């Protein structure tokens, strides 16, 4: 990946974007996309949509959500300790001992998630966030309330790292990598003559309610939509491949198979991958995908959808890890598929 593009990805990963508070990262993404897009759209949900060839009848929507899991302040005690609940799929065990950045109404405040020392009994067995607290160094509730109020959000204070020049590790790769992918696909397609319209949507709220994807697709009314997200890699110790399948880093993008997925779109993706001599992997989504694809599919008269995912280790932890090579291949796959479309393709699975 070119250094300039990697630098932009790292900038996205460094930008706090807790679900329901994605404004800063959206403004930066719009700034980056503006030179390449024919137009930029936004909506009341907070989605940012970069568009190519808006006059085309055949419209392809690419959705990568920009929000990350977070903590939400629900109580501040008299001694200034901050207590939190989940904003998305936070794992309490991964939170123990982490530094956090509270995006307070009065400014950003750094804290640490305190834990009872092992000498004093420690944490035993399963536990919830209600047993943890954030220590900001304050001595009173009044001191904290100068910065923080109920409902403010906090993210792990964790910078992304490049591992062995091949992987990226950090918080919130789910799914700022997808936000980066859809933008990069549009950027590269801006240099090509297209027969279809492309709507690259940086969506909000996926980690909590997927409402952003619904708003975006309802407004665009796409002919087809592809969610660009992450999925569970199973190539590290302790994962039962018999139960969770065999998905590995550096083995290519992952296509979903299941009832929500349009078979014709998957065939287009597979044909393109074959022409590129590119490996793809598969995951099963029998009932639902658990991604923006589910909401896009149910807008308007119904939208044919597919899901292309980046293999990700250590999902919803402060050290999510993905492959730069897989990301590049996913971008190339989508660029080549879309560039080769005529705009006359039938997505009806009953058509021969």
Protein backbone atom coordinates (compact mmCIF):
# COMPACT_ATOMS: atom_id res chain seq x y z
CA UNK A 1 0.00 0.00 0.00
CA UNK A 2 1.29 3.45 -0.90
CA UNK A 3 2.57 5.40 2.09
CA UNK A 4 0.12 8.25 1.51
CA UNK A 5 -2.85 5.86 1.59
CA UNK A 6 -1.52 4.00 4.64
CA UNK A 7 -1.04 7.33 6.42
CA UNK A 8 -4.68 8.23 5.74
CA UNK A 9 -5.84 4.86 7.06
CA UNK A 10 -3.78 5.36 10.22
CA UNK A 11 -5.29 8.83 10.60
CA UNK A 12 -8.78 7.33 10.48
CA UNK A 13 -7.80 4.72 13.05
CA UNK A 14 -6.44 7.42 15.34
CA UNK A 15 -9.66 9.46 15.18
CA UNK A 16 -12.20 8.64 17.92
CA UNK A 17 -15.50 7.66 16.31
CA UNK A 18 -17.73 6.05 18.95
CA UNK A 19 -21.14 4.99 17.72
CA UNK A 20 -23.46 8.05 17.73
CA UNK A 21 -20.48 10.46 17.76
CA UNK A 22 -18.91 10.01 14.32
CA UNK A 23 -18.89 13.66 13.21
CA UNK A 24 -15.13 14.28 13.35
CA UNK A 25 -14.15 11.21 11.34
CA UNK A 26 -16.91 11.85 8.80
CA UNK A 27 -15.70 15.39 8.15
CA UNK A 28 -12.15 14.12 7.62
CA UNK A 29 -13.35 11.37 5.24
CA UNK A 30 -15.41 13.88 3.24
CA UNK A 31 -12.38 16.16 2.95
CA UNK A 32 -10.34 13.26 1.57
CA UNK A 33 -13.04 12.11 -0.86
CA UNK A 34 -14.12 15.49 -2.23
CA UNK A 35 -11.42 15.77 -4.96
CA UNK A 36 -12.41 12.39 -6.43
CA UNK A 37 -16.21 12.43 -6.16
CA UNK A 38 -18.70 14.02 -8.55
CA UNK A 39 -20.75 14.96 -5.51
CA UNK A 40 -20.86 14.48 -1.73
CA UNK A 41 -24.11 13.73 0.08
CA UNK A 42 -24.94 13.71 3.79
CA UNK A 43 -28.14 12.97 5.69
CA UNK A 44 -29.78 13.43 9.07
CA UNK A 45 -28.33 10.18 10.39
CA UNK A 46 -24.78 11.46 9.88
CA UNK A 47 -23.83 9.31 6.89
CA UNK A 48 -21.28 10.63 4.39
CA UNK A 49 -21.69 9.48 0.78
CA UNK A 50 -19.26 10.10 -2.07
CA UNK A 51 -20.79 9.64 -5.52
CA UNK A 52 -19.43 8.89 -8.98
CA UNK A 53 -21.56 9.06 -12.14
CA UNK A 54 -24.77 10.11 -10.35
CA UNK A 55 -26.75 10.21 -13.62
CA UNK A 56 -26.47 6.43 -14.11
CA UNK A 57 -29.64 4.35 -13.72
CA UNK A 58 -27.78 1.34 -12.29
CA UNK A 59 -26.58 2.38 -8.82
CA UNK A 60 -24.07 0.43 -6.73
CA UNK A 61 -23.88 1.28 -3.04
CA UNK A 62 -20.77 0.36 -1.06
CA UNK A 63 -21.15 0.67 2.71
CA UNK A 64 -18.35 0.74 5.27
CA UNK A 65 -19.34 1.84 8.74
CA UNK A 66 -17.11 4.35 10.48
CA UNK A 67 -18.27 3.92 14.08
CA UNK A 68 -16.38 1.96 16.71
CA UNK A 69 -17.46 0.29 19.94
CA UNK A 70 -17.20 2.50 22.99
CA UNK A 71 -18.06 3.04 26.64
CA UNK A 72 -20.85 5.39 27.70
CA UNK A 73 -20.80 7.20 31.05
CA UNK A 74 -23.76 6.27 33.25
CA UNK A 75 -22.63 7.45 36.71
CA UNK A 76 -20.00 9.56 38.48
CA UNK A 77 -19.56 8.91 42.20
CA UNK A 78 -18.76 11.44 44.91
CA UNK A 79 -15.03 10.61 44.77
CA UNK A 80 -14.82 11.30 41.03
CA UNK A 81 -14.75 7.72 39.77
CA UNK A 82 -16.59 7.25 36.47
CA UNK A 83 -18.81 4.23 35.79
CA UNK A 84 -19.81 3.13 32.32
CA UNK A 85 -22.06 0.93 30.22
CA UNK A 86 -21.59 -0.51 26.72
CA UNK A 87 -22.01 1.41 23.47
CA UNK A 88 -21.70 -1.62 21.21
CA UNK A 89 -20.07 -4.99 21.88
CA UNK A 90 -17.50 -4.12 24.55
CA UNK A 91 -15.81 -7.12 26.19
CA UNK A 92 -15.33 -6.29 29.90
CA UNK A 93 -12.35 -8.64 30.18
CA UNK A 94 -10.53 -6.80 27.39
CA UNK A 95 -11.17 -3.48 29.16
CA UNK A 96 -9.32 -4.34 32.35
CA UNK A 97 -6.25 -2.15 32.86
CA UNK A 98 -6.75 -0.13 29.66
CA UNK A 99 -6.29 3.61 29.23
CA UNK A 100 -9.32 5.45 27.84
CA UNK A 101 -10.05 8.82 26.29
CA UNK A 102 -13.38 10.26 27.42
CA UNK A 103 -14.85 12.50 24.73
CA UNK A 104 -16.40 14.81 27.29
CA UNK A 105 -18.79 17.72 26.72
CA UNK A 106 -16.17 19.96 28.35
CA UNK A 107 -13.10 18.49 26.68
CA UNK A 108 -11.19 15.26 26.32
CA UNK A 109 -10.22 13.55 29.57
CA UNK A 110 -7.76 10.67 29.94
CA UNK A 111 -8.45 7.93 32.45
CA UNK A 112 -7.51 4.38 33.35
CA UNK A 113 -9.85 1.47 33.95
CA UNK A 114 -9.05 0.51 37.50
CA UNK A 115 -9.19 -3.01 38.83
CA UNK A 116 -8.92 -4.54 42.27
CA UNK A 117 -5.35 -5.78 42.79
CA UNK A 118 -4.84 -9.55 42.76
CA UNK A 119 -3.41 -9.21 46.29
CA UNK A 120 -6.86 -7.94 47.36
CA UNK A 121 -8.81 -10.64 45.60
CA UNK A 122 -8.75 -9.38 42.00
CA UNK A 123 -11.52 -10.16 39.53
CA UNK A 124 -12.87 -13.68 39.55
CA UNK A 125 -14.72 -15.56 36.80
CA UNK A 126 -17.20 -13.70 34.66
CA UNK A 127 -17.81 -10.06 35.46
CA UNK A 128 -19.53 -7.10 33.89
CA UNK A 129 -18.67 -3.49 33.23
CA UNK A 130 -20.55 -2.54 36.39
CA UNK A 131 -17.63 -3.96 38.37
CA UNK A 132 -15.11 -1.70 36.62
CA UNK A 133 -14.57 2.05 36.85
CA UNK A 134 -12.53 4.82 35.24
CA UNK A 135 -10.02 6.72 37.35
CA UNK A 136 -9.30 10.15 35.81
CA UNK A 137 -7.15 11.32 38.72
CA UNK A 138 -9.95 13.51 40.06
CA UNK A 139 -10.70 13.98 43.75
CA UNK A 140 -14.39 14.77 43.50
CA UNK A 141 -17.51 14.47 41.38
CA UNK A 142 -17.50 18.22 40.83
CA UNK A 143 -13.98 18.12 39.37
CA UNK A 144 -14.93 15.45 36.83
CA UNK A 145 -18.19 17.17 35.90
CA UNK A 146 -16.24 20.13 34.53
CA UNK A 147 -15.38 17.78 31.64
CA UNK A 148 -17.78 14.84 31.72
CA UNK A 149 -21.50 14.32 31.97
CA UNK A 150 -23.85 11.34 31.78
CA UNK A 151 -24.00 10.03 28.20
CA UNK A 152 -20.49 11.10 27.21
CA UNK A 153 -18.48 8.46 25.36
CA UNK A 154 -15.04 6.95 25.87
CA UNK A 155 -12.77 4.92 23.60
CA UNK A 156 -9.62 2.97 24.35
CA UNK A 157 -6.53 5.17 24.25
CA UNK A 158 -4.63 2.97 21.85
CA UNK A 159 -2.67 3.97 18.75
CA UNK A 160 -2.55 1.66 15.71
CA UNK A 161 0.69 -0.19 14.99
CA UNK A 162 2.12 -1.89 11.92
CA UNK A 163 3.37 -5.40 12.73
CA UNK A 164 6.20 -6.90 10.66
CA UNK A 165 5.33 -4.60 7.74
CA UNK A 166 2.28 -6.74 6.97
CA UNK A 167 -0.42 -6.38 9.62
CA UNK A 168 -2.12 -3.45 11.35
CA UNK A 169 -3.15 -3.81 15.00
CA UNK A 170 -5.21 -1.41 17.09
CA UNK A 171 -8.67 -0.46 18.23
CA UNK A 172 -11.59 0.05 15.89
CA UNK A 173 -10.30 -1.69 12.76
CA UNK A 174 -13.92 -2.82 12.91
CA UNK A 175 -14.76 -0.95 10.80
CA UNK A 176 -12.70 2.08 9.94
CA UNK A 177 -10.91 -0.33 7.59
CA UNK A 178 -14.25 -0.71 5.75
CA UNK A 179 -14.70 3.06 5.69
CA UNK A 180 -11.22 3.29 4.16
CA UNK A 181 -11.93 0.50 1.65
CA UNK A 182 -15.11 2.05 0.20
CA UNK A 183 -13.39 5.41 -0.10
CA UNK A 184 -10.34 3.91 -1.76
CA UNK A 185 -12.53 1.99 -4.22
CA UNK A 186 -14.22 5.23 -5.22
CA UNK A 187 -10.88 7.05 -5.48
CA UNK A 188 -9.48 4.46 -7.88
CA UNK A 189 -12.71 4.24 -9.89
CA UNK A 190 -12.65 8.02 -10.37
CA UNK A 191 -9.92 7.45 -12.97
CA UNK A 192 -12.05 5.04 -15.03
CA UNK A 193 -14.99 5.39 -17.42
CA UNK A 194 -17.99 3.84 -15.67
CA UNK A 195 -21.30 2.47 -16.92
CA UNK A 196 -22.78 2.47 -13.41
CA UNK A 197 -23.18 4.94 -10.58
CA UNK A 198 -21.08 4.35 -7.47
CA UNK A 199 -22.19 5.49 -4.03
CA UNK A 200 -19.45 4.98 -1.42
CA UNK A 201 -21.17 5.39 1.94
CA UNK A 202 -19.35 5.88 5.23
CA UNK A 203 -22.21 4.80 7.47
CA UNK A 204 -22.87 5.42 11.16
CA UNK A 205 -24.30 3.47 14.10
CA UNK A 206 -23.59 -0.05 12.79
CA UNK A 207 -22.21 -1.19 16.14
CA UNK A 208 -25.43 -0.22 17.93
CA UNK A 209 -28.46 -0.29 15.63
CA UNK A 210 -27.40 -0.20 11.94
CA UNK A 211 -29.71 2.76 11.41
CA UNK A 212 -27.12 4.60 9.34
CA UNK A 213 -27.17 1.95 6.64
CA UNK A 214 -30.96 2.07 6.51
CA UNK A 215 -31.01 5.87 6.14
CA UNK A 216 -28.33 5.79 3.45
CA UNK A 217 -29.88 3.02 1.35
CA UNK A 218 -33.38 4.46 1.69
CA UNK A 219 -32.07 7.75 0.31
CA UNK A 220 -29.92 6.30 -2.48
CA UNK A 221 -32.36 3.56 -3.63
CA UNK A 222 -29.49 1.47 -5.02
CA UNK A 223 -29.82 -1.24 -7.64
CA UNK A 224 -27.48 -3.36 -5.53
CA UNK A 225 -25.46 -2.90 -2.37
CA UNK A 226 -22.29 -4.39 -0.92
CA UNK A 227 -21.37 -4.10 2.74
CA UNK A 228 -17.62 -3.89 3.34
CA UNK A 229 -16.96 -5.02 6.88
CA UNK A 230 -14.74 -7.37 8.89
CA UNK A 231 -15.24 -10.97 9.90
CA UNK A 232 -13.72 -13.37 12.39
CA UNK A 233 -10.32 -14.76 11.47
CA UNK A 234 -9.74 -18.17 13.04
CA UNK A 235 -6.01 -18.54 12.45
CA UNK A 236 -4.72 -17.97 15.97
CA UNK A 237 -4.41 -20.23 19.03
CA UNK A 238 -7.52 -21.26 20.92
CA UNK A 239 -10.08 -20.97 18.11
CA UNK A 240 -12.15 -24.06 17.28
CA UNK A 241 -12.11 -24.22 13.47
CA UNK A 242 -14.63 -27.08 13.51
CA UNK A 243 -17.13 -24.68 15.05
CA UNK A 244 -16.10 -21.32 13.55
CA UNK A 245 -14.65 -22.27 10.14
CA UNK A 246 -11.22 -21.67 8.64
CA UNK A 247 -10.60 -17.98 7.82
CA UNK A 248 -7.03 -16.73 7.67
CA UNK A 249 -5.14 -13.49 7.25
CA UNK A 250 -3.41 -13.11 3.87
CA UNK A 251 -5.74 -15.63 2.23
CA UNK A 252 -7.94 -13.04 0.55
CA UNK A 253 -11.25 -11.26 1.09
CA UNK A 254 -14.17 -13.20 2.56
CA UNK A 255 -17.49 -13.57 0.74
CA UNK A 256 -20.64 -14.38 2.69
CA UNK A 257 -23.00 -17.18 1.73
CA UNK A 258 -26.51 -17.46 3.11
CA UNK A 259 -30.16 -16.51 2.73
CA UNK A 260 -29.61 -12.71 2.76
CA UNK A 261 -26.95 -12.79 0.04
CA UNK A 262 -27.77 -12.30 -3.64
CA UNK A 263 -26.17 -15.14 -5.59
CA UNK A 264 -25.76 -13.09 -8.77
CA UNK A 265 -23.62 -10.49 -6.98
CA UNK A 266 -21.45 -13.21 -5.50
CA UNK A 267 -21.03 -14.72 -8.96
CA UNK A 268 -19.79 -11.35 -10.25
CA UNK A 269 -17.30 -11.16 -7.37
CA UNK A 270 -16.12 -14.74 -7.92
CA UNK A 271 -15.72 -14.26 -11.67
CA UNK A 272 -13.67 -11.13 -11.08
CA UNK A 273 -11.51 -12.84 -8.46
CA UNK A 274 -10.86 -15.69 -10.88
CA UNK A 275 -9.81 -13.28 -13.63
CA UNK A 276 -7.37 -11.67 -11.18
CA UNK A 277 -6.10 -15.08 -10.00
CA UNK A 278 -7.12 -13.95 -6.51
CA UNK A 279 -8.05 -16.28 -3.68
CA UNK A 280 -11.29 -15.63 -1.81
CA UNK A 281 -12.56 -17.17 1.39
CA UNK A 282 -16.10 -17.85 2.57
CA UNK A 283 -18.20 -17.44 5.69
CA UNK A 284 -21.73 -18.62 6.35
CA UNK A 285 -24.52 -16.18 7.16
CA UNK A 286 -27.57 -18.48 7.10
CA UNK A 287 -30.18 -16.13 8.60
CA UNK A 288 -28.58 -12.67 8.81
CA UNK A 289 -25.15 -11.16 8.33
CA UNK A 290 -24.99 -8.99 11.46
CA UNK A 291 -23.76 -6.11 9.26
CA UNK A 292 -25.09 -3.11 7.35
CA UNK A 293 -26.14 -5.53 4.59
CA UNK A 294 -29.16 -6.59 6.67
CA UNK A 295 -30.60 -3.08 6.85
CA UNK A 296 -29.77 -2.09 3.27
CA UNK A 297 -31.51 -5.20 2.00
CA UNK A 298 -34.83 -4.20 3.58
CA UNK A 299 -35.10 -0.65 2.26
CA UNK A 300 -37.55 0.45 -0.44
CA UNK A 301 -38.76 -2.42 -2.59
CA UNK A 302 -35.82 -4.54 -1.40
CA UNK A 303 -32.17 -4.32 -2.41
CA UNK A 304 -29.98 -7.23 -3.59
CA UNK A 305 -26.98 -7.34 -1.26
CA UNK A 306 -23.65 -9.01 -0.77
CA UNK A 307 -21.04 -8.85 1.97
CA UNK A 308 -17.28 -8.65 1.40
CA UNK A 309 -15.26 -8.84 4.59
CA UNK A 310 -11.71 -8.39 5.82
CA UNK A 311 -10.42 -11.22 8.04
CA UNK A 312 -9.85 -9.79 11.53
CA UNK A 313 -8.18 -11.26 14.59
CA UNK A 314 -9.25 -10.39 18.16
CA UNK A 315 -12.61 -8.82 17.27
CA UNK A 316 -13.86 -6.03 19.59
CA UNK A 317 -10.62 -5.83 21.52
CA UNK A 318 -8.07 -2.98 21.75
CA UNK A 319 -5.71 -4.98 19.51
CA UNK A 320 -7.80 -5.97 16.48
CA UNK A 321 -5.41 -7.18 13.78
CA UNK A 322 -5.81 -7.31 9.99
CA UNK A 323 -3.64 -7.78 6.91
CA UNK A 324 -2.68 -4.90 4.62
CA UNK A 325 -2.49 -7.40 1.74
CA UNK A 326 -6.07 -8.56 2.30
CA UNK A 327 -7.22 -4.96 2.32
CA UNK A 328 -5.47 -4.24 -0.97
CA UNK A 329 -6.98 -7.34 -2.55
CA UNK A 330 -10.48 -6.41 -1.39
CA UNK A 331 -10.09 -2.94 -2.92
CA UNK A 332 -8.76 -4.40 -6.20
CA UNK A 333 -11.57 -6.96 -6.35
CA UNK A 334 -14.28 -4.33 -5.99
CA UNK A 335 -12.63 -1.85 -8.36
CA UNK A 336 -12.24 -4.41 -11.13
CA UNK A 337 -15.74 -5.83 -10.71
CA UNK A 338 -17.42 -2.43 -10.82
CA UNK A 339 -15.24 -1.12 -13.66
CA UNK A 340 -16.21 -4.14 -15.76
CA UNK A 341 -19.97 -3.83 -15.28
CA UNK A 342 -22.20 -2.76 -18.15
CA UNK A 343 -25.12 -1.55 -16.06
CA UNK A 344 -27.34 -4.11 -17.80
CA UNK A 345 -26.63 -6.99 -15.40
CA UNK A 346 -29.61 -8.88 -14.05
CA UNK A 347 -29.53 -9.61 -10.33
CA UNK A 348 -32.60 -11.81 -10.46
CA UNK A 349 -31.47 -15.31 -9.36
CA UNK A 350 -34.16 -16.87 -11.58
CA UNK A 351 -32.65 -15.40 -14.74
CA UNK A 352 -30.27 -17.72 -16.58
